[in-house]
Amino acid sequence: MVRRLIIFSILLTAFSTSYAQDSWKLSTEKDGVKVFTKSILTSKVKALKIECVLNASASQLVAIIMDVEKGKDWVYSTKSCVLLKQISPSELYYYSEIILPWPAQNRDFIAHIMVSQNPSSKIITVDAPCVSGYVPEKANIVRIQKSLGKWVITPHSKNQVKIEYTLAVDPAGTIPAWLVNLVASQGPLETFKMLRSQLQKEEYKNMHLPYIID
């Protein structure tokens, strides 16, 4: 546990420092989803920030995020998601492979998801840094070693939550500029469009998680 916290702190410090190098700029806005980008020192790919309001409870959204094996149903260009280790209801490790068009190679990563909530403000933070280990690297797939994703879920009104999702990633290897631009502009919009659809599924309706205060 101590080792995991140390590694996470190092990643957080590195990406927090790189975030500070530039200001967020609005890149795309559609259907209530705002996509911001900014240049960072730790990657040739710009960091992303997505903001929107969703018609859902906090429990519904967290349940979908933690249901990692369904990630391929709503996360843009995801080929597979596999649960590797469940530490607790609010903490897990999972593996995912991302589909990229030719000439780029697919990417994969192992992420460590940790959910926490401020009991006073009810604001939920979902940290999802990449970690090493668990799954050997595979032929013809580039392993992402540096990535830090973070959800901040804030109560907005009755049955609504405000979302701020940030992602800083070093995709490793070579990726054409046109593909970087495609992922940055289309990926977030498609993901949040599918997330809205996912929230309408019966399995997530009337969801209440015991570790979340709605």
Protein backbone atom coordinates (compact mmCIF):
# COMPACT_ATOMS: atom_id res chain seq x y z
CA MET A 1 0.00 0.00 0.00
CA VAL A 2 2.79 2.45 0.93
CA ARG A 3 4.59 1.72 -2.35
CA ARG A 4 1.40 2.33 -4.35
CA LEU A 5 0.87 5.66 -2.60
CA ILE A 6 4.45 6.75 -3.25
CA ILE A 7 4.20 5.89 -6.96
CA PHE A 8 0.84 7.64 -7.25
CA SER A 9 2.23 10.75 -5.51
CA ILE A 10 5.17 10.89 -7.92
CA LEU A 11 2.85 10.62 -10.94
CA LEU A 12 0.49 13.22 -9.54
CA THR A 13 3.32 15.66 -8.84
CA ALA A 14 4.82 15.22 -12.30
CA PHE A 15 1.57 15.75 -14.16
CA SER A 16 0.40 18.56 -11.85
CA THR A 17 3.63 20.41 -12.59
CA SER A 18 3.21 19.89 -16.33
CA TYR A 19 -0.43 21.04 -16.21
CA ALA A 20 0.75 24.38 -14.84
CA GLN A 21 2.81 25.15 -17.96
CA ASP A 22 -0.14 26.41 -20.02
CA SER A 23 -3.78 27.43 -19.66
CA TRP A 24 -6.80 25.41 -20.77
CA LYS A 25 -8.25 26.40 -24.15
CA LEU A 26 -11.73 25.48 -25.34
CA SER A 27 -11.34 23.12 -28.29
CA THR A 28 -14.84 21.78 -28.94
CA GLU A 29 -18.35 22.25 -27.54
CA LYS A 30 -21.30 20.10 -28.57
CA ASP A 31 -24.47 18.80 -26.89
CA GLY A 32 -23.50 20.31 -23.56
CA VAL A 33 -20.01 18.77 -23.55
CA LYS A 34 -17.04 21.15 -23.44
CA VAL A 35 -13.60 19.85 -24.41
CA PHE A 36 -10.53 21.83 -23.39
CA THR A 37 -6.89 21.16 -24.30
CA LYS A 38 -3.52 22.40 -23.09
CA SER A 39 0.10 21.70 -23.89
CA ILE A 40 2.15 19.91 -21.23
CA LEU A 41 5.85 19.27 -20.87
CA THR A 42 5.57 15.56 -20.17
CA SER A 43 3.92 14.57 -23.46
CA LYS A 44 3.73 15.50 -27.14
CA VAL A 45 -0.03 14.97 -26.85
CA LYS A 46 -2.08 17.76 -25.31
CA ALA A 47 -3.85 17.17 -22.01
CA LEU A 48 -7.65 17.04 -22.10
CA LYS A 49 -10.34 18.40 -19.81
CA ILE A 50 -14.00 17.59 -20.37
CA GLU A 51 -16.84 19.36 -18.58
CA CYS A 52 -20.55 18.57 -18.69
CA VAL A 53 -23.65 18.05 -16.59
CA LEU A 54 -25.27 14.60 -16.60
CA ASN A 55 -28.77 13.55 -15.58
CA ALA A 56 -27.69 10.95 -13.06
CA SER A 57 -26.92 10.36 -9.43
CA ALA A 58 -23.34 10.14 -8.21
CA SER A 59 -23.86 6.44 -7.46
CA GLN A 60 -24.98 5.77 -11.03
CA LEU A 61 -21.90 7.39 -12.52
CA VAL A 62 -19.44 5.78 -10.12
CA ALA A 63 -21.08 2.39 -10.70
CA ILE A 64 -20.48 2.72 -14.44
CA ILE A 65 -16.86 3.81 -13.99
CA MET A 66 -16.19 0.89 -11.62
CA ASP A 67 -17.94 -1.61 -13.91
CA VAL A 68 -14.72 -1.67 -15.92
CA GLU A 69 -15.47 -4.69 -18.08
CA LYS A 70 -18.34 -2.73 -19.65
CA GLY A 71 -15.92 0.06 -20.58
CA LYS A 72 -15.76 -1.11 -24.18
CA ASP A 73 -19.47 -0.27 -24.46
CA TRP A 74 -18.92 3.46 -23.96
CA VAL A 75 -15.24 4.49 -23.91
CA TYR A 76 -14.14 5.66 -27.36
CA SER A 77 -12.04 3.23 -29.42
CA THR A 78 -11.77 0.65 -26.62
CA LYS A 79 -11.25 -2.94 -27.76
CA SER A 80 -11.24 -4.65 -24.37
CA CYS A 81 -11.38 -4.01 -20.62
CA VAL A 82 -10.51 -6.71 -18.10
CA LEU A 83 -10.75 -6.52 -14.32
CA LEU A 84 -7.41 -7.64 -12.88
CA LYS A 85 -7.80 -7.17 -9.15
CA GLN A 86 -10.59 -5.87 -6.91
CA ILE A 87 -9.06 -4.37 -3.77
CA SER A 88 -12.35 -3.10 -2.34
CA PRO A 89 -15.69 -1.82 -3.69
CA SER A 90 -13.98 1.54 -4.31
CA GLU A 91 -10.56 0.40 -5.56
CA LEU A 92 -9.44 -1.88 -8.40
CA TYR A 93 -6.91 -2.56 -11.15
CA TYR A 94 -7.88 -3.20 -14.76
CA TYR A 95 -6.33 -3.78 -18.19
CA SER A 96 -7.52 -2.14 -21.40
CA GLU A 97 -6.55 -2.19 -25.07
CA ILE A 98 -7.23 0.83 -27.29
CA ILE A 99 -7.82 0.52 -31.03
CA LEU A 100 -5.87 2.93 -33.23
CA PRO A 101 -6.15 3.07 -37.03
CA TRP A 102 -3.27 2.21 -39.34
CA PRO A 103 -0.41 3.11 -39.40
CA ALA A 104 -0.42 3.46 -35.61
CA GLN A 105 -0.24 0.40 -33.36
CA ASN A 106 -2.86 -0.30 -30.73
CA ARG A 107 -2.08 0.85 -27.20
CA ASP A 108 -2.76 -0.88 -23.90
CA PHE A 109 -2.44 0.06 -20.24
CA ILE A 110 -3.07 -1.05 -16.69
CA ALA A 111 -4.95 1.47 -14.54
CA HIS A 112 -5.46 1.73 -10.80
CA ILE A 113 -8.86 3.23 -9.96
CA MET A 114 -9.44 4.76 -6.52
CA VAL A 115 -12.71 6.43 -5.47
CA SER A 116 -12.95 8.90 -2.59
CA GLN A 117 -15.62 11.35 -1.43
CA ASN A 118 -15.59 14.45 0.73
CA PRO A 119 -18.41 13.78 3.22
CA SER A 120 -19.14 17.50 3.68
CA SER A 121 -19.22 18.71 0.09
CA LYS A 122 -20.16 15.27 -1.33
CA ILE A 123 -17.64 15.89 -4.12
CA ILE A 124 -16.27 12.60 -5.46
CA THR A 125 -12.79 12.14 -6.87
CA VAL A 126 -11.93 9.13 -9.03
CA ASP A 127 -8.19 8.86 -9.63
CA ALA A 128 -7.03 6.51 -12.39
CA PRO A 129 -3.25 6.55 -12.95
CA CYS A 130 -1.46 3.99 -15.09
CA VAL A 131 0.70 1.46 -13.27
CA SER A 132 3.22 -1.16 -14.33
CA GLY A 133 3.04 -4.92 -13.91
CA TYR A 134 0.09 -7.32 -13.76
CA VAL A 135 0.05 -8.07 -17.52
CA PRO A 136 3.15 -8.77 -19.67
CA GLU A 137 3.63 -6.50 -22.67
CA LYS A 138 2.17 -7.94 -25.88
CA ALA A 139 3.58 -8.14 -29.40
CA ASN A 140 2.50 -5.34 -31.76
CA ILE A 141 0.80 -3.41 -28.95
CA VAL A 142 2.50 -0.35 -27.41
CA ARG A 143 2.24 -0.21 -23.61
CA ILE A 144 1.30 3.18 -22.15
CA GLN A 145 3.47 3.74 -19.09
CA LYS A 146 2.58 7.32 -18.18
CA SER A 147 -1.01 8.43 -17.84
CA LEU A 148 -3.11 10.15 -15.22
CA GLY A 149 -6.88 10.33 -15.51
CA LYS A 150 -9.11 11.98 -12.93
CA TRP A 151 -12.86 12.41 -12.50
CA VAL A 152 -14.29 15.11 -10.24
CA ILE A 153 -18.01 14.55 -9.71
CA THR A 154 -19.91 17.39 -8.04
CA PRO A 155 -23.61 17.44 -7.01
CA HIS A 156 -25.34 19.91 -9.33
CA SER A 157 -29.07 19.68 -8.65
CA LYS A 158 -31.57 16.94 -7.95
CA ASN A 159 -30.57 13.88 -10.00
CA GLN A 160 -27.82 15.81 -11.76
CA VAL A 161 -24.04 15.84 -11.37
CA LYS A 162 -21.38 18.11 -12.82
CA ILE A 163 -18.42 16.28 -14.33
CA GLU A 164 -14.85 17.44 -14.78
CA TYR A 165 -12.62 14.80 -16.33
CA THR A 166 -8.93 15.44 -16.98
CA LEU A 167 -6.43 13.23 -18.77
CA ALA A 168 -2.69 13.63 -19.30
CA VAL A 169 -1.08 10.78 -21.20
CA ASP A 170 2.15 9.94 -22.96
CA PRO A 171 1.02 7.51 -25.69
CA ALA A 172 4.59 6.26 -26.27
CA GLY A 173 5.89 5.34 -29.70
CA THR A 174 4.95 7.25 -32.84
CA ILE A 175 1.48 8.65 -33.54
CA PRO A 176 0.68 10.81 -36.62
CA ALA A 177 -0.46 14.37 -35.93
CA TRP A 178 -3.78 13.81 -37.73
CA LEU A 179 -4.58 10.91 -35.41
CA VAL A 180 -3.73 12.94 -32.32
CA ASN A 181 -6.12 15.67 -33.49
CA LEU A 182 -8.85 13.13 -34.25
CA VAL A 183 -8.64 11.53 -30.81
CA ALA A 184 -8.55 14.92 -29.06
CA SER A 185 -11.62 16.27 -30.87
CA GLN A 186 -13.81 13.23 -31.52
CA GLY A 187 -12.89 10.90 -28.66
CA PRO A 188 -14.33 12.89 -25.72
CA LEU A 189 -17.56 13.75 -27.56
CA GLU A 190 -18.18 10.13 -28.55
CA THR A 191 -17.30 8.87 -25.08
CA PHE A 192 -19.68 11.18 -23.25
CA LYS A 193 -22.43 10.57 -25.81
CA MET A 194 -22.16 6.85 -25.11
CA LEU A 195 -21.88 7.48 -21.37
CA ARG A 196 -25.27 9.20 -21.46
CA SER A 197 -26.70 6.12 -23.19
CA GLN A 198 -25.06 3.85 -20.64
CA LEU A 199 -26.72 5.75 -17.81
CA GLN A 200 -30.14 4.89 -19.27
CA LYS A 201 -29.62 1.14 -18.94
CA GLU A 202 -31.81 -0.65 -16.40
CA GLU A 203 -28.84 -2.13 -14.53
CA TYR A 204 -27.73 1.36 -13.45
CA LYS A 205 -31.12 2.90 -12.71
CA ASN A 206 -31.98 3.35 -9.01
CA MET A 207 -28.37 2.47 -8.23
CA HIS A 208 -27.07 3.26 -4.75
CA LEU A 209 -23.53 2.45 -3.68
CA PRO A 210 -22.98 2.05 0.08
CA TYR A 211 -19.73 4.04 -0.01
CA ILE A 212 -21.25 7.00 -1.89
CA ILE A 213 -23.40 9.76 -0.38
CA ASP A 214 -25.84 10.85 -3.09
